[in-house]
Amino acid sequence: MLNNLTQVMWRLNEAKITDEQRDAAIKTTCDLLVSIDIKRVDALRERLELPPECLAFVAEIYAAILAAPFGELRDVLPLSSGREVNGKSQCVAVMPTQSVTIKATPKVPFRPEKLMVSNAGTAGGAADWIVNDIRLDGQTVFLQSGDVPGDLFATNALDSFVAWGECSKSMEIDVTYIGLNEKEGCPFFGSAVGSRVTPSPDESKAAKERG
């Protein structure tokens, strides 16, 4: 968490923003940190089936949920490299220069608003991952082809690269590990945080008739 906050402060200091905007950003961050209940964060980590070293990462997700407008339904979709072993999820490391496709199915239709990439397990943190593509229900959300460093997803700089849409069937991401863990590699831990899509009355009626 401290490493992530250091990165945030560095970006705030480097960004061309006014002192008032910087002060407001710092105050909002502090207010969110005060609101974080570590027991709830750890419970969320267990629900997402992430290891203990991802606690700081899950705290970021929790803060993003707290920052949502009051009363808005939120959903978190885990996107981690792994496989099912005896009915349980098991982390799988990705080796340097290796590319993998990670696919997840949302429990409810939702619109991703932020992709969060964990810093856990690799010296360069989220920057050790390159996101090659993101697809919602089979359609890319990248406005132009090209690879994006994972740490950029923590900023608003992606507005010109990504056009988020609704997702009901699947979310897929192609990632490449460029870190230096040559012998053991590193598992990918990520999550999409978004708002649930509320069906219209006509859609709800049609769903009931189909059911």
Protein backbone atom coordinates (compact mmCIF):
# COMPACT_ATOMS: atom_id res chain seq x y z
CA MET A 1 0.00 0.00 0.00
CA LEU A 2 2.80 2.43 0.91
CA ASN A 3 4.53 1.69 -2.38
CA ASN A 4 1.31 2.42 -4.26
CA LEU A 5 0.75 5.67 -2.32
CA THR A 6 4.31 6.73 -3.12
CA GLN A 7 3.57 6.25 -6.82
CA VAL A 8 0.37 8.27 -6.49
CA MET A 9 2.18 11.12 -4.74
CA TRP A 10 4.89 11.10 -7.39
CA ARG A 11 2.28 11.35 -10.14
CA LEU A 12 0.53 14.19 -8.30
CA ASN A 13 3.79 16.10 -7.96
CA GLU A 14 4.71 15.54 -11.60
CA ALA A 15 1.26 16.32 -13.00
CA LYS A 16 0.42 19.80 -14.24
CA ILE A 17 -2.33 20.51 -11.74
CA THR A 18 -3.01 23.37 -9.38
CA ASP A 19 -2.19 23.32 -5.67
CA GLU A 20 -5.93 23.28 -4.92
CA GLN A 21 -6.45 20.17 -7.10
CA ARG A 22 -3.47 18.45 -5.47
CA ASP A 23 -4.72 19.24 -1.97
CA ALA A 24 -8.20 17.96 -2.85
CA ALA A 25 -6.77 14.72 -4.25
CA ILE A 26 -4.65 14.13 -1.13
CA LYS A 27 -7.60 14.86 1.18
CA THR A 28 -9.86 12.45 -0.72
CA THR A 29 -7.21 9.72 -0.53
CA CYS A 30 -6.75 10.24 3.22
CA ASP A 31 -10.52 10.14 3.79
CA LEU A 32 -10.72 6.82 1.92
CA LEU A 33 -7.85 5.32 3.91
CA VAL A 34 -9.52 6.27 7.19
CA SER A 35 -12.69 4.51 6.00
CA ILE A 36 -10.93 1.23 5.21
CA ASP A 37 -11.79 -1.66 7.54
CA ILE A 38 -8.87 -4.08 7.32
CA LYS A 39 -11.04 -7.05 8.35
CA ARG A 40 -13.43 -6.38 5.50
CA VAL A 41 -10.48 -5.97 3.15
CA ASP A 42 -9.11 -9.36 4.18
CA ALA A 43 -12.57 -10.94 3.81
CA LEU A 44 -12.72 -9.51 0.27
CA ARG A 45 -9.26 -10.93 -0.42
CA GLU A 46 -10.45 -14.39 0.59
CA ARG A 47 -13.60 -14.06 -1.53
CA LEU A 48 -11.47 -13.17 -4.53
CA GLU A 49 -9.24 -16.18 -3.74
CA LEU A 50 -6.09 -14.05 -3.65
CA PRO A 51 -3.04 -14.86 -1.46
CA PRO A 52 -2.10 -12.81 1.64
CA GLU A 53 0.58 -10.85 -0.24
CA CYS A 54 -2.23 -9.25 -2.28
CA LEU A 55 -3.78 -7.56 0.77
CA ALA A 56 -2.53 -4.10 -0.30
CA PHE A 57 -3.90 -4.69 -3.80
CA VAL A 58 -7.32 -5.66 -2.41
CA ALA A 59 -7.24 -2.54 -0.22
CA GLU A 60 -6.98 -0.51 -3.44
CA ILE A 61 -10.01 -2.31 -4.85
CA TYR A 62 -11.89 -1.70 -1.61
CA ALA A 63 -11.02 2.01 -1.77
CA ALA A 64 -12.30 2.16 -5.36
CA ILE A 65 -15.59 0.65 -4.22
CA LEU A 66 -15.85 3.18 -1.38
CA ALA A 67 -15.27 5.99 -3.86
CA ALA A 68 -18.37 5.03 -5.87
CA PRO A 69 -21.35 7.40 -5.84
CA PHE A 70 -23.68 6.73 -2.91
CA GLY A 71 -26.16 3.93 -3.58
CA GLU A 72 -24.50 2.73 -6.79
CA LEU A 73 -24.19 -1.04 -7.06
CA ARG A 74 -20.60 -2.18 -7.61
CA ASP A 75 -19.09 -5.43 -8.72
CA VAL A 76 -15.55 -6.80 -8.76
CA LEU A 77 -14.43 -9.32 -11.36
CA PRO A 78 -11.17 -11.15 -10.51
CA LEU A 79 -8.81 -11.59 -13.47
CA SER A 80 -5.91 -13.72 -12.28
CA SER A 81 -3.73 -16.38 -13.87
CA GLY A 82 -4.76 -19.71 -12.43
CA ARG A 83 -6.46 -23.02 -12.89
CA GLU A 84 -8.98 -25.19 -11.11
CA VAL A 85 -7.50 -27.97 -8.95
CA ASN A 86 -9.98 -30.10 -7.00
CA GLY A 87 -12.56 -27.36 -7.21
CA LYS A 88 -10.22 -24.64 -5.93
CA SER A 89 -8.39 -21.89 -7.78
CA GLN A 90 -4.61 -22.29 -7.92
CA CYS A 91 -2.22 -19.51 -8.97
CA VAL A 92 -0.08 -20.14 -12.04
CA ALA A 93 3.10 -18.15 -12.67
CA VAL A 94 3.76 -16.45 -15.99
CA MET A 95 7.37 -16.57 -17.17
CA PRO A 96 9.28 -13.54 -18.53
CA THR A 97 8.25 -12.58 -22.10
CA GLN A 98 5.37 -15.09 -21.89
CA SER A 99 1.90 -13.92 -22.95
CA VAL A 100 -1.30 -15.38 -21.55
CA THR A 101 -5.01 -14.82 -22.01
CA ILE A 102 -7.06 -14.58 -18.84
CA LYS A 103 -10.82 -15.00 -19.05
CA ALA A 104 -13.52 -14.48 -16.43
CA THR A 105 -17.30 -14.58 -16.45
CA PRO A 106 -19.20 -11.93 -14.48
CA LYS A 107 -21.94 -13.12 -12.14
CA VAL A 108 -24.09 -10.17 -13.18
CA PRO A 109 -23.88 -7.88 -16.22
CA PHE A 110 -21.69 -4.90 -15.45
CA ARG A 111 -19.70 -2.08 -17.00
CA PRO A 112 -16.00 -2.12 -16.07
CA GLU A 113 -14.66 1.30 -15.15
CA LYS A 114 -11.19 0.45 -13.92
CA LEU A 115 -8.71 -2.39 -14.36
CA MET A 116 -6.49 -2.76 -11.33
CA VAL A 117 -3.19 -4.65 -11.67
CA SER A 118 -1.45 -5.87 -8.53
CA ASN A 119 2.11 -4.93 -7.61
CA ALA A 120 2.57 -8.26 -5.80
CA GLY A 121 5.34 -10.71 -6.59
CA THR A 122 7.55 -8.71 -8.93
CA ALA A 123 10.10 -5.94 -8.39
CA GLY A 124 8.61 -3.53 -10.92
CA GLY A 125 5.06 -3.99 -9.66
CA ALA A 126 2.23 -3.39 -12.11
CA ALA A 127 4.72 -1.88 -14.57
CA ASP A 128 6.15 -5.40 -15.06
CA TRP A 129 2.97 -6.32 -16.92
CA ILE A 130 1.97 -5.26 -20.41
CA VAL A 131 -1.73 -5.37 -21.26
CA ASN A 132 -1.94 -6.32 -24.93
CA ASP A 133 -5.72 -6.28 -25.28
CA ILE A 134 -8.98 -6.27 -23.33
CA ARG A 135 -12.17 -7.79 -24.72
CA LEU A 136 -15.72 -7.54 -23.39
CA ASP A 137 -18.01 -10.23 -24.77
CA GLY A 138 -15.44 -10.81 -27.52
CA GLN A 139 -15.10 -7.16 -28.58
CA THR A 140 -11.92 -5.19 -27.94
CA VAL A 141 -12.17 -2.00 -25.87
CA PHE A 142 -8.85 -0.64 -27.15
CA LEU A 143 -9.41 2.34 -29.42
CA GLN A 144 -6.07 1.70 -31.11
CA SER A 145 -3.82 -1.33 -31.26
CA GLY A 146 -0.83 -1.28 -28.98
CA ASP A 147 0.49 -2.50 -25.65
CA VAL A 148 -0.20 -0.60 -22.42
CA PRO A 149 1.90 -0.88 -19.22
CA GLY A 150 -0.17 -2.25 -16.34
CA ASP A 151 0.60 0.66 -14.02
CA LEU A 152 -1.09 3.12 -16.39
CA PHE A 153 -4.46 1.60 -15.54
CA ALA A 154 -4.24 3.35 -12.17
CA THR A 155 -4.46 6.74 -13.90
CA ASN A 156 -6.95 8.59 -16.09
CA ALA A 157 -4.45 8.62 -18.95
CA LEU A 158 -6.23 5.65 -20.51
CA ASP A 159 -9.31 7.62 -21.52
CA SER A 160 -7.82 8.06 -24.98
CA PHE A 161 -6.92 4.35 -25.26
CA VAL A 162 -9.89 2.47 -23.82
CA ALA A 163 -13.63 2.76 -24.37
CA TRP A 164 -15.28 0.62 -21.70
CA GLY A 165 -18.60 -1.05 -22.54
CA GLU A 166 -21.01 -3.49 -20.97
CA CYS A 167 -19.99 -7.05 -20.17
CA SER A 168 -22.42 -9.91 -19.59
CA LYS A 169 -20.75 -13.05 -20.98
CA SER A 170 -17.00 -12.73 -20.55
CA MET A 171 -14.08 -10.41 -19.99
CA GLU A 172 -10.72 -11.38 -21.47
CA ILE A 173 -7.33 -9.73 -21.14
CA ASP A 174 -4.10 -10.58 -22.92
CA VAL A 175 -1.06 -9.82 -20.75
CA THR A 176 2.69 -10.25 -21.11
CA TYR A 177 5.09 -10.50 -18.17
CA ILE A 178 8.25 -8.40 -18.68
CA GLY A 179 9.62 -8.67 -15.13
CA LEU A 180 12.92 -10.21 -14.06
CA ASN A 181 11.73 -13.31 -12.17
CA GLU A 182 13.52 -15.61 -14.61
CA LYS A 183 13.32 -18.83 -12.56
CA GLU A 184 9.87 -18.69 -10.98
CA GLY A 185 8.00 -16.13 -13.05
CA CYS A 186 5.08 -14.30 -11.42
CA PRO A 187 1.33 -14.95 -11.18
CA PHE A 188 -0.90 -12.20 -12.56
CA PHE A 189 -3.34 -10.70 -10.09
CA GLY A 190 -5.88 -8.23 -11.40
CA SER A 191 -9.48 -7.18 -10.98
CA ALA A 192 -12.00 -5.11 -12.88
CA VAL A 193 -14.12 -2.77 -10.78
CA GLY A 194 -17.34 -1.54 -12.33
CA SER A 195 -20.98 -0.65 -11.92
CA ARG A 196 -23.70 -3.23 -12.27
CA VAL A 197 -25.97 -2.88 -15.26
CA THR A 198 -29.59 -2.60 -14.17
CA PRO A 199 -31.91 -4.11 -16.82
CA SER A 200 -34.77 -2.02 -18.13
CA PRO A 201 -38.35 -3.04 -17.19
CA ASP A 202 -38.83 -4.54 -20.67
CA GLU A 203 -35.64 -6.59 -20.37
CA SER A 204 -36.64 -7.82 -16.90
CA LYS A 205 -40.07 -8.84 -18.19
CA ALA A 206 -38.53 -10.67 -21.14
CA ALA A 207 -36.09 -12.48 -18.84
CA LYS A 208 -38.93 -13.64 -16.60
CA GLU A 209 -40.89 -14.89 -19.61
CA ARG A 210 -37.84 -16.83 -20.84
CA GLY A 211 -37.34 -18.26 -17.34
